[in-house]
Amino acid sequence: MAYKITDNCVSCGQCQPECPVEAISEGSPYKIDPKKCTDCGACAAVCPTEAIIKG
């Protein structure tokens, strides 16, 4: 199950460079492409607002 970004996202950008498959795109909030997400959790580990959850 892919991760998703909730409304708690403050668009800080810390998650995007952590994604090894470039599944995260900028926005408010940022978005994760569920077709690309490999469920590694790297993005969730660096999110300062805990906005990234298993979807």
PDB file of N, CA and C in Angstrom:
ATOM      1  N   MET A   1       0.838  -1.177   0.000  1.00  0.00           N
ATOM      2  CA  MET A   1       0.000   0.000   0.000  1.00  0.00           C
ATOM      3  C   MET A   1       0.890   1.251   0.000  1.00  0.00           C
ATOM      4  N   ALA A   2       0.642   2.134  -0.911  1.00  0.00           N
ATOM      5  CA  ALA A   2       1.454   3.347  -1.068  1.00  0.00           C
ATOM      6  C   ALA A   2       1.229   4.318   0.083  1.00  0.00           C
ATOM      7  N   TYR A   3       2.231   5.163   0.299  1.00  0.00           N
ATOM      8  CA  TYR A   3       2.100   6.234   1.274  1.00  0.00           C
ATOM      9  C   TYR A   3       1.302   7.371   0.654  1.00  0.00           C
ATOM     10  N   LYS A   4       0.705   8.208   1.499  1.00  0.00           N
ATOM     11  CA  LYS A   4       0.013   9.394   1.012  1.00  0.00           C
ATOM     12  C   LYS A   4       0.321  10.553   1.945  1.00  0.00           C
ATOM     13  N   ILE A   5       0.142  11.756   1.426  1.00  0.00           N
ATOM     14  CA  ILE A   5       0.438  12.967   2.180  1.00  0.00           C
ATOM     15  C   ILE A   5      -0.877  13.623   2.587  1.00  0.00           C
ATOM     16  N   THR A   6      -1.031  13.868   3.866  1.00  0.00           N
ATOM     17  CA  THR A   6      -2.265  14.445   4.402  1.00  0.00           C
ATOM     18  C   THR A   6      -2.220  15.974   4.378  1.00  0.00           C
ATOM     19  N   ASP A   7      -3.305  16.583   4.831  1.00  0.00           N
ATOM     20  CA  ASP A   7      -3.404  18.042   4.884  1.00  0.00           C
ATOM     21  C   ASP A   7      -2.471  18.660   5.916  1.00  0.00           C
ATOM     22  N   ASN A   8      -1.809  17.836   6.722  1.00  0.00           N
ATOM     23  CA  ASN A   8      -0.828  18.362   7.685  1.00  0.00           C
ATOM     24  C   ASN A   8       0.456  18.818   6.987  1.00  0.00           C
ATOM     25  N   CYS A   9       0.577  18.536   5.694  1.00  0.00           N
ATOM     26  CA  CYS A   9       1.764  18.912   4.916  1.00  0.00           C
ATOM     27  C   CYS A   9       1.910  20.431   4.877  1.00  0.00           C
ATOM     28  N   VAL A  10       3.125  20.905   5.175  1.00  0.00           N
ATOM     29  CA  VAL A  10       3.413  22.338   5.131  1.00  0.00           C
ATOM     30  C   VAL A  10       4.274  22.681   3.908  1.00  0.00           C
ATOM     31  N   SER A  11       4.385  21.756   2.979  1.00  0.00           N
ATOM     32  CA  SER A  11       5.134  21.938   1.730  1.00  0.00           C
ATOM     33  C   SER A  11       6.576  22.375   1.956  1.00  0.00           C
ATOM     34  N   CYS A  12       7.223  21.750   2.933  1.00  0.00           N
ATOM     35  CA  CYS A  12       8.606  22.116   3.266  1.00  0.00           C
ATOM     36  C   CYS A  12       9.607  21.539   2.273  1.00  0.00           C
ATOM     37  N   GLY A  13       9.232  20.452   1.591  1.00  0.00           N
ATOM     38  CA  GLY A  13      10.098  19.870   0.577  1.00  0.00           C
ATOM     39  C   GLY A  13      11.112  18.852   1.067  1.00  0.00           C
ATOM     40  N   GLN A  14      11.114  18.533   2.346  1.00  0.00           N
ATOM     41  CA  GLN A  14      12.110  17.586   2.864  1.00  0.00           C
ATOM     42  C   GLN A  14      11.900  16.175   2.337  1.00  0.00           C
ATOM     43  N   CYS A  15      10.689  15.809   2.027  1.00  0.00           N
ATOM     44  CA  CYS A  15      10.401  14.443   1.580  1.00  0.00           C
ATOM     45  C   CYS A  15      10.837  14.169   0.149  1.00  0.00           C
ATOM     46  N   GLN A  16      10.692  15.148  -0.714  1.00  0.00           N
ATOM     47  CA  GLN A  16      10.914  14.931  -2.150  1.00  0.00           C
ATOM     48  C   GLN A  16      12.291  14.364  -2.489  1.00  0.00           C
ATOM     49  N   PRO A  17      13.391  14.911  -1.977  1.00  0.00           N
ATOM     50  CA  PRO A  17      14.696  14.335  -2.344  1.00  0.00           C
ATOM     51  C   PRO A  17      14.961  12.962  -1.729  1.00  0.00           C
ATOM     52  N   GLU A  18      14.173  12.559  -0.741  1.00  0.00           N
ATOM     53  CA  GLU A  18      14.357  11.249  -0.104  1.00  0.00           C
ATOM     54  C   GLU A  18      13.756  10.105  -0.912  1.00  0.00           C
ATOM     55  N   CYS A  19      12.852  10.420  -1.822  1.00  0.00           N
ATOM     56  CA  CYS A  19      12.157   9.371  -2.582  1.00  0.00           C
ATOM     57  C   CYS A  19      13.067   8.795  -3.662  1.00  0.00           C
ATOM     58  N   PRO A  20      13.376   7.499  -3.582  1.00  0.00           N
ATOM     59  CA  PRO A  20      14.292   6.889  -4.552  1.00  0.00           C
ATOM     60  C   PRO A  20      13.679   6.687  -5.935  1.00  0.00           C
ATOM     61  N   VAL A  21      12.360   6.789  -6.052  1.00  0.00           N
ATOM     62  CA  VAL A  21      11.699   6.572  -7.341  1.00  0.00           C
ATOM     63  C   VAL A  21      11.012   7.833  -7.866  1.00  0.00           C
ATOM     64  N   GLU A  22      11.297   8.964  -7.249  1.00  0.00           N
ATOM     65  CA  GLU A  22      10.748  10.259  -7.662  1.00  0.00           C
ATOM     66  C   GLU A  22       9.226  10.246  -7.784  1.00  0.00           C
ATOM     67  N   ALA A  23       8.562   9.684  -6.773  1.00  0.00           N
ATOM     68  CA  ALA A  23       7.105   9.598  -6.776  1.00  0.00           C
ATOM     69  C   ALA A  23       6.427  10.818  -6.167  1.00  0.00           C
ATOM     70  N   ILE A  24       7.210  11.735  -5.591  1.00  0.00           N
ATOM     71  CA  ILE A  24       6.644  12.891  -4.896  1.00  0.00           C
ATOM     72  C   ILE A  24       6.748  14.130  -5.777  1.00  0.00           C
ATOM     73  N   SER A  25       5.610  14.839  -5.903  1.00  0.00           N
ATOM     74  CA  SER A  25       5.603  16.062  -6.690  1.00  0.00           C
ATOM     75  C   SER A  25       5.191  17.243  -5.815  1.00  0.00           C
ATOM     76  N   GLU A  26       5.711  18.423  -6.175  1.00  0.00           N
ATOM     77  CA  GLU A  26       5.435  19.627  -5.409  1.00  0.00           C
ATOM     78  C   GLU A  26       3.966  20.018  -5.504  1.00  0.00           C
ATOM     79  N   GLY A  27       3.519  20.704  -4.465  1.00  0.00           N
ATOM     80  CA  GLY A  27       2.159  21.202  -4.419  1.00  0.00           C
ATOM     81  C   GLY A  27       1.830  21.616  -3.005  1.00  0.00           C
ATOM     82  N   SER A  28       0.605  21.928  -2.786  1.00  0.00           N
ATOM     83  CA  SER A  28       0.164  22.293  -1.450  1.00  0.00           C
ATOM     84  C   SER A  28      -1.141  21.551  -1.165  1.00  0.00           C
ATOM     85  N   PRO A  29      -1.107  20.370  -0.594  1.00  0.00           N
ATOM     86  CA  PRO A  29       0.092  19.668  -0.128  1.00  0.00           C
ATOM     87  C   PRO A  29       0.816  18.958  -1.277  1.00  0.00           C
ATOM     88  N   TYR A  30       2.024  18.486  -0.963  1.00  0.00           N
ATOM     89  CA  TYR A  30       2.764  17.662  -1.924  1.00  0.00           C
ATOM     90  C   TYR A  30       1.942  16.410  -2.205  1.00  0.00           C
ATOM     91  N   LYS A  31       2.223  15.732  -3.311  1.00  0.00           N
ATOM     92  CA  LYS A  31       1.483  14.528  -3.687  1.00  0.00           C
ATOM     93  C   LYS A  31       2.447  13.372  -3.937  1.00  0.00           C
ATOM     94  N   ILE A  32       1.975  12.163  -3.636  1.00  0.00           N
ATOM     95  CA  ILE A  32       2.730  10.941  -3.917  1.00  0.00           C
ATOM     96  C   ILE A  32       1.961  10.151  -4.965  1.00  0.00           C
ATOM     97  N   ASP A  33       2.643   9.802  -6.047  1.00  0.00           N
ATOM     98  CA  ASP A  33       2.028   8.995  -7.100  1.00  0.00           C
ATOM     99  C   ASP A  33       1.983   7.546  -6.615  1.00  0.00           C
ATOM    100  N   PRO A  34       0.789   7.018  -6.347  1.00  0.00           N
ATOM    101  CA  PRO A  34       0.697   5.655  -5.807  1.00  0.00           C
ATOM    102  C   PRO A  34       1.202   4.579  -6.766  1.00  0.00           C
ATOM    103  N   LYS A  35       1.244   4.889  -8.058  1.00  0.00           N
ATOM    104  CA  LYS A  35       1.743   3.917  -9.040  1.00  0.00           C
ATOM    105  C   LYS A  35       3.260   3.813  -9.002  1.00  0.00           C
ATOM    106  N   LYS A  36       3.932   4.872  -8.563  1.00  0.00           N
ATOM    107  CA  LYS A  36       5.390   4.869  -8.478  1.00  0.00           C
ATOM    108  C   LYS A  36       5.902   4.485  -7.092  1.00  0.00           C
ATOM    109  N   CYS A  37       5.131   4.767  -6.055  1.00  0.00           N
ATOM    110  CA  CYS A  37       5.549   4.543  -4.666  1.00  0.00           C
ATOM    111  C   CYS A  37       5.875   3.071  -4.429  1.00  0.00           C
ATOM    112  N   THR A  38       7.050   2.821  -3.849  1.00  0.00           N
ATOM    113  CA  THR A  38       7.476   1.448  -3.563  1.00  0.00           C
ATOM    114  C   THR A  38       7.307   1.091  -2.088  1.00  0.00           C
ATOM    115  N   ASP A  39       6.654   1.965  -1.324  1.00  0.00           N
ATOM    116  CA  ASP A  39       6.339   1.691   0.080  1.00  0.00           C
ATOM    117  C   ASP A  39       7.593   1.589   0.952  1.00  0.00           C
ATOM    118  N   CYS A  40       8.629   2.374   0.623  1.00  0.00           N
ATOM    119  CA  CYS A  40       9.882   2.274   1.380  1.00  0.00           C
ATOM    120  C   CYS A  40       9.838   3.056   2.697  1.00  0.00           C
ATOM    121  N   GLY A  41       9.033   4.110   2.755  1.00  0.00           N
ATOM    122  CA  GLY A  41       8.901   4.878   3.992  1.00  0.00           C
ATOM    123  C   GLY A  41       9.950   5.948   4.223  1.00  0.00           C
ATOM    124  N   ALA A  42      10.853   6.144   3.273  1.00  0.00           N
ATOM    125  CA  ALA A  42      11.907   7.148   3.443  1.00  0.00           C
ATOM    126  C   ALA A  42      11.324   8.551   3.615  1.00  0.00           C
ATOM    127  N   CYS A  43      10.264   8.836   2.896  1.00  0.00           N
ATOM    128  CA  CYS A  43       9.639  10.158   2.978  1.00  0.00           C
ATOM    129  C   CYS A  43       9.022  10.388   4.358  1.00  0.00           C
ATOM    130  N   ALA A  44       8.331   9.394   4.863  1.00  0.00           N
ATOM    131  CA  ALA A  44       7.672   9.518   6.163  1.00  0.00           C
ATOM    132  C   ALA A  44       8.689   9.719   7.288  1.00  0.00           C
ATOM    133  N   ALA A  45       9.845   9.119   7.142  1.00  0.00           N
ATOM    134  CA  ALA A  45      10.878   9.210   8.176  1.00  0.00           C
ATOM    135  C   ALA A  45      11.419  10.629   8.347  1.00  0.00           C
ATOM    136  N   VAL A  46      11.368  11.448   7.284  1.00  0.00           N
ATOM    137  CA  VAL A  46      11.926  12.799   7.375  1.00  0.00           C
ATOM    138  C   VAL A  46      10.863  13.892   7.507  1.00  0.00           C
ATOM    139  N   CYS A  47       9.601  13.537   7.465  1.00  0.00           N
ATOM    140  CA  CYS A  47       8.528  14.539   7.520  1.00  0.00           C
ATOM    141  C   CYS A  47       8.424  15.146   8.928  1.00  0.00           C
ATOM    142  N   PRO A  48       8.658  16.476   9.039  1.00  0.00           N
ATOM    143  CA  PRO A  48       8.633  17.112  10.361  1.00  0.00           C
ATOM    144  C   PRO A  48       7.229  17.251  10.965  1.00  0.00           C
ATOM    145  N   THR A  49       6.186  17.138  10.144  1.00  0.00           N
ATOM    146  CA  THR A  49       4.823  17.289  10.654  1.00  0.00           C
ATOM    147  C   THR A  49       4.051  15.971  10.687  1.00  0.00           C
ATOM    148  N   GLU A  50       4.747  14.876  10.400  1.00  0.00           N
ATOM    149  CA  GLU A  50       4.138  13.547  10.357  1.00  0.00           C
ATOM    150  C   GLU A  50       2.915  13.515   9.430  1.00  0.00           C
ATOM    151  N   ALA A  51       3.033  14.215   8.302  1.00  0.00           N
ATOM    152  CA  ALA A  51       1.936  14.315   7.348  1.00  0.00           C
ATOM    153  C   ALA A  51       1.874  13.146   6.368  1.00  0.00           C
ATOM    154  N   ILE A  52       2.895  12.295   6.374  1.00  0.00           N
ATOM    155  CA  ILE A  52       2.945  11.189   5.421  1.00  0.00           C
ATOM    156  C   ILE A  52       2.589   9.892   6.143  1.00  0.00           C
ATOM    157  N   ILE A  53       1.528   9.247   5.640  1.00  0.00           N
ATOM    158  CA  ILE A  53       1.025   8.040   6.279  1.00  0.00           C
ATOM    159  C   ILE A  53       0.831   6.948   5.236  1.00  0.00           C
ATOM    160  N   LYS A  54       0.728   5.716   5.706  1.00  0.00           N
ATOM    161  CA  LYS A  54       0.387   4.615   4.790  1.00  0.00           C
ATOM    162  C   LYS A  54      -1.047   4.813   4.356  1.00  0.00           C
ATOM    163  N   GLY A  55      -1.261   4.726   3.050  1.00  0.00           N
ATOM    164  CA  GLY A  55      -2.580   5.027   2.524  1.00  0.00           C
ATOM    165  C   GLY A  55      -3.369   3.832   2.183  1.00  0.00           C
TER     166      GLY A  55
END
